[in-house]
């Protein structure tokens, strides 16, 4: 009983870590795309 609880907790923890990693990667990709789009436009407002 306790062993299965520990196993389930480990699996859940792993899933949470994977989800967090995916979210971080997605965020980085969106950020990079945004920066690239801004630099492609020629930046009307100057640098920032």
PDB file of N, CA and C in Angstrom:
ATOM      1  N   UNK A   1       0.832  -1.209   0.000  1.00  0.00           N
ATOM      2  CA  UNK A   1       0.000   0.000   0.000  1.00  0.00           C
ATOM      3  C   UNK A   1       0.867   1.261   0.000  1.00  0.00           C
ATOM      4  N   UNK A   2       1.790   1.334   0.963  1.00  0.00           N
ATOM      5  CA  UNK A   2       2.659   2.514   1.053  1.00  0.00           C
ATOM      6  C   UNK A   2       3.567   2.586  -0.179  1.00  0.00           C
ATOM      7  N   UNK A   3       4.009   1.417  -0.639  1.00  0.00           N
ATOM      8  CA  UNK A   3       4.905   1.380  -1.800  1.00  0.00           C
ATOM      9  C   UNK A   3       4.216   1.970  -3.028  1.00  0.00           C
ATOM     10  N   UNK A   4       2.941   1.615  -3.220  1.00  0.00           N
ATOM     11  CA  UNK A   4       2.219   2.139  -4.381  1.00  0.00           C
ATOM     12  C   UNK A   4       2.027   3.643  -4.258  1.00  0.00           C
ATOM     13  N   UNK A   5       1.798   4.130  -3.043  1.00  0.00           N
ATOM     14  CA  UNK A   5       1.628   5.574  -2.819  1.00  0.00           C
ATOM     15  C   UNK A   5       2.910   6.299  -3.224  1.00  0.00           C
ATOM     16  N   UNK A   6       4.060   5.781  -2.768  1.00  0.00           N
ATOM     17  CA  UNK A   6       5.354   6.393  -3.081  1.00  0.00           C
ATOM     18  C   UNK A   6       5.574   6.384  -4.591  1.00  0.00           C
ATOM     19  N   UNK A   7       5.244   5.257  -5.232  1.00  0.00           N
ATOM     20  CA  UNK A   7       5.414   5.139  -6.684  1.00  0.00           C
ATOM     21  C   UNK A   7       4.571   6.178  -7.416  1.00  0.00           C
ATOM     22  N   UNK A   8       3.301   6.305  -6.995  1.00  0.00           N
ATOM     23  CA  UNK A   8       2.397   7.279  -7.623  1.00  0.00           C
ATOM     24  C   UNK A   8       2.939   8.692  -7.442  1.00  0.00           C
ATOM     25  N   UNK A   9       3.441   8.993  -6.253  1.00  0.00           N
ATOM     26  CA  UNK A   9       3.991  10.329  -5.990  1.00  0.00           C
ATOM     27  C   UNK A   9       5.191  10.599  -6.895  1.00  0.00           C
ATOM     28  N   UNK A  10       6.043   9.591  -7.053  1.00  0.00           N
ATOM     29  CA  UNK A  10       7.226   9.752  -7.912  1.00  0.00           C
ATOM     30  C   UNK A  10       6.807  10.034  -9.345  1.00  0.00           C
ATOM     31  N   UNK A  11       5.836   9.272  -9.843  1.00  0.00           N
ATOM     32  CA  UNK A  11       5.364   9.445 -11.224  1.00  0.00           C
ATOM     33  C   UNK A  11       4.759  10.832 -11.400  1.00  0.00           C
ATOM     34  N   UNK A  12       3.951  11.265 -10.424  1.00  0.00           N
ATOM     35  CA  UNK A  12       3.331  12.593 -10.500  1.00  0.00           C
ATOM     36  C   UNK A  12       4.400  13.675 -10.505  1.00  0.00           C
ATOM     37  N   UNK A  13       5.403  13.523  -9.662  1.00  0.00           N
ATOM     38  CA  UNK A  13       6.483  14.505  -9.597  1.00  0.00           C
ATOM     39  C   UNK A  13       7.208  14.599 -10.929  1.00  0.00           C
ATOM     40  N   UNK A  14       7.436  13.447 -11.548  1.00  0.00           N
ATOM     41  CA  UNK A  14       8.110  13.399 -12.843  1.00  0.00           C
ATOM     42  C   UNK A  14       7.275  14.110 -13.903  1.00  0.00           C
ATOM     43  N   UNK A  15       5.957  13.840 -13.898  1.00  0.00           N
ATOM     44  CA  UNK A  15       5.065  14.483 -14.867  1.00  0.00           C
ATOM     45  C   UNK A  15       5.079  15.990 -14.692  1.00  0.00           C
ATOM     46  N   UNK A  16       5.056  16.446 -13.445  1.00  0.00           N
ATOM     47  CA  UNK A  16       5.070  17.887 -13.172  1.00  0.00           C
ATOM     48  C   UNK A  16       6.365  18.502 -13.697  1.00  0.00           C
ATOM     49  N   UNK A  17       7.492  17.822 -13.463  1.00  0.00           N
ATOM     50  CA  UNK A  17       8.781  18.327 -13.948  1.00  0.00           C
ATOM     51  C   UNK A  17       8.789  18.432 -15.469  1.00  0.00           C
ATOM     52  N   UNK A  18       8.266  17.399 -16.133  1.00  0.00           N
ATOM     53  CA  UNK A  18       8.229  17.398 -17.595  1.00  0.00           C
ATOM     54  C   UNK A  18       7.357  18.544 -18.099  1.00  0.00           C
ATOM     55  N   UNK A  19       6.198  18.742 -17.459  1.00  0.00           N
ATOM     56  CA  UNK A  19       5.300  19.825 -17.868  1.00  0.00           C
ATOM     57  C   UNK A  19       5.970  21.177 -17.698  1.00  0.00           C
ATOM     58  N   UNK A  20       6.672  21.350 -16.577  1.00  0.00           N
ATOM     59  CA  UNK A  20       7.358  22.619 -16.319  1.00  0.00           C
ATOM     60  C   UNK A  20       8.437  22.863 -17.371  1.00  0.00           C
ATOM     61  N   UNK A  21       9.171  21.805 -17.728  1.00  0.00           N
ATOM     62  CA  UNK A  21      10.226  21.935 -18.735  1.00  0.00           C
ATOM     63  C   UNK A  21       9.620  22.334 -20.083  1.00  0.00           C
ATOM     64  N   UNK A  22       8.503  21.692 -20.446  1.00  0.00           N
ATOM     65  CA  UNK A  22       7.848  22.015 -21.715  1.00  0.00           C
ATOM     66  C   UNK A  22       7.364  23.455 -21.716  1.00  0.00           C
ATOM     67  N   UNK A  23       6.790  23.886 -20.588  1.00  0.00           N
ATOM     68  CA  UNK A  23       6.295  25.264 -20.484  1.00  0.00           C
ATOM     69  C   UNK A  23       7.450  26.249 -20.643  1.00  0.00           C
ATOM     70  N   UNK A  24       8.581  25.945 -20.010  1.00  0.00           N
ATOM     71  CA  UNK A  24       9.748  26.831 -20.087  1.00  0.00           C
ATOM     72  C   UNK A  24      10.258  26.916 -21.530  1.00  0.00           C
ATOM     73  N   UNK A  25      10.310  25.775 -22.207  1.00  0.00           N
ATOM     74  CA  UNK A  25      10.788  25.752 -23.593  1.00  0.00           C
ATOM     75  C   UNK A  25       9.850  26.562 -24.488  1.00  0.00           C
ATOM     76  N   UNK A  26       8.531  26.366 -24.296  1.00  0.00           N
ATOM     77  CA  UNK A  26       7.551  27.110 -25.087  1.00  0.00           C
ATOM     78  C   UNK A  26       7.713  28.600 -24.871  1.00  0.00           C
ATOM     79  N   UNK A  27       7.882  28.987 -23.608  1.00  0.00           N
ATOM     80  CA  UNK A  27       8.035  30.400 -23.262  1.00  0.00           C
ATOM     81  C   UNK A  27       9.260  30.984 -23.951  1.00  0.00           C
ATOM     82  N   UNK A  28      10.369  30.242 -23.895  1.00  0.00           N
ATOM     83  CA  UNK A  28      11.606  30.714 -24.518  1.00  0.00           C
ATOM     84  C   UNK A  28      11.427  30.871 -26.030  1.00  0.00           C
ATOM     85  N   UNK A  29      10.786  29.889 -26.665  1.00  0.00           N
ATOM     86  CA  UNK A  29      10.571  29.940 -28.116  1.00  0.00           C
ATOM     87  C   UNK A  29       9.734  31.155 -28.488  1.00  0.00           C
ATOM     88  N   UNK A  30       8.649  31.390 -27.723  1.00  0.00           N
ATOM     89  CA  UNK A  30       7.788  32.544 -28.009  1.00  0.00           C
ATOM     90  C   UNK A  30       8.556  33.839 -27.825  1.00  0.00           C
ATOM     91  N   UNK A  31       9.375  33.882 -26.770  1.00  0.00           N
ATOM     92  CA  UNK A  31      10.158  35.085 -26.482  1.00  0.00           C
ATOM     93  C   UNK A  31      11.130  35.369 -27.633  1.00  0.00           C
ATOM     94  N   UNK A  32      11.828  34.323 -28.088  1.00  0.00           N
ATOM     95  CA  UNK A  32      12.805  34.482 -29.173  1.00  0.00           C
ATOM     96  C   UNK A  32      12.098  34.926 -30.454  1.00  0.00           C
ATOM     97  N   UNK A  33      10.934  34.314 -30.744  1.00  0.00           N
ATOM     98  CA  UNK A  33      10.174  34.701 -31.936  1.00  0.00           C
ATOM     99  C   UNK A  33       9.796  36.170 -31.862  1.00  0.00           C
ATOM    100  N   UNK A  34       9.344  36.598 -30.676  1.00  0.00           N
ATOM    101  CA  UNK A  34       8.938  37.985 -30.474  1.00  0.00           C
ATOM    102  C   UNK A  34      10.115  38.921 -30.736  1.00  0.00           C
ATOM    103  N   UNK A  35      11.270  38.599 -30.158  1.00  0.00           N
ATOM    104  CA  UNK A  35      12.465  39.431 -30.324  1.00  0.00           C
ATOM    105  C   UNK A  35      12.865  39.490 -31.797  1.00  0.00           C
ATOM    106  N   UNK A  36      12.822  38.342 -32.473  1.00  0.00           N
ATOM    107  CA  UNK A  36      13.186  38.308 -33.892  1.00  0.00           C
ATOM    108  C   UNK A  36      12.224  39.155 -34.713  1.00  0.00           C
ATOM    109  N   UNK A  37      10.932  39.050 -34.410  1.00  0.00           N
ATOM    110  CA  UNK A  37       9.940  39.840 -35.143  1.00  0.00           C
ATOM    111  C   UNK A  37      10.190  41.323 -34.945  1.00  0.00           C
ATOM    112  N   UNK A  38      10.502  41.724 -33.719  1.00  0.00           N
ATOM    113  CA  UNK A  38      10.753  43.138 -33.425  1.00  0.00           C
ATOM    114  C   UNK A  38      11.966  43.637 -34.202  1.00  0.00           C
ATOM    115  N   UNK A  39      13.034  42.839 -34.245  1.00  0.00           N
ATOM    116  CA  UNK A  39      14.250  43.273 -34.939  1.00  0.00           C
ATOM    117  C   UNK A  39      14.038  43.257 -36.455  1.00  0.00           C
ATOM    118  N   UNK A  40      13.154  42.379 -36.948  1.00  0.00           N
ATOM    119  CA  UNK A  40      12.875  42.320 -38.384  1.00  0.00           C
ATOM    120  C   UNK A  40      12.153  43.591 -38.827  1.00  0.00           C
ATOM    121  N   UNK A  41      11.241  44.082 -37.972  1.00  0.00           N
ATOM    122  CA  UNK A  41      10.474  45.288 -38.301  1.00  0.00           C
ATOM    123  C   UNK A  41      11.378  46.505 -38.448  1.00  0.00           C
ATOM    124  N   UNK A  42      12.518  46.487 -37.774  1.00  0.00           N
ATOM    125  CA  UNK A  42      13.415  47.630 -37.846  1.00  0.00           C
ATOM    126  C   UNK A  42      13.268  48.504 -36.622  1.00  0.00           C
ATOM    127  N   UNK A  43      12.409  48.093 -35.683  1.00  0.00           N
ATOM    128  CA  UNK A  43      12.258  48.821 -34.424  1.00  0.00           C
ATOM    129  C   UNK A  43      11.953  50.292 -34.595  1.00  0.00           C
ATOM    130  N   UNK A  44      10.678  50.627 -34.765  1.00  0.00           N
ATOM    131  CA  UNK A  44      10.285  52.037 -34.937  1.00  0.00           C
ATOM    132  C   UNK A  44      10.661  52.887 -33.727  1.00  0.00           C
ATOM    133  N   UNK A  45      10.544  52.283 -32.527  1.00  0.00           N
ATOM    134  CA  UNK A  45      10.791  53.039 -31.290  1.00  0.00           C
ATOM    135  C   UNK A  45      12.268  53.080 -30.917  1.00  0.00           C
ATOM    136  N   UNK A  46      13.139  52.700 -31.805  1.00  0.00           N
ATOM    137  CA  UNK A  46      14.552  52.664 -31.464  1.00  0.00           C
ATOM    138  C   UNK A  46      14.915  51.269 -30.997  1.00  0.00           C
ATOM    139  N   UNK A  47      15.712  51.163 -29.925  1.00  0.00           N
ATOM    140  CA  UNK A  47      16.175  49.839 -29.499  1.00  0.00           C
ATOM    141  C   UNK A  47      15.186  49.141 -28.578  1.00  0.00           C
ATOM    142  N   UNK A  48      14.486  49.883 -27.705  1.00  0.00           N
ATOM    143  CA  UNK A  48      13.529  49.235 -26.798  1.00  0.00           C
ATOM    144  C   UNK A  48      12.208  49.968 -26.826  1.00  0.00           C
TER     145      UNK A  48
END
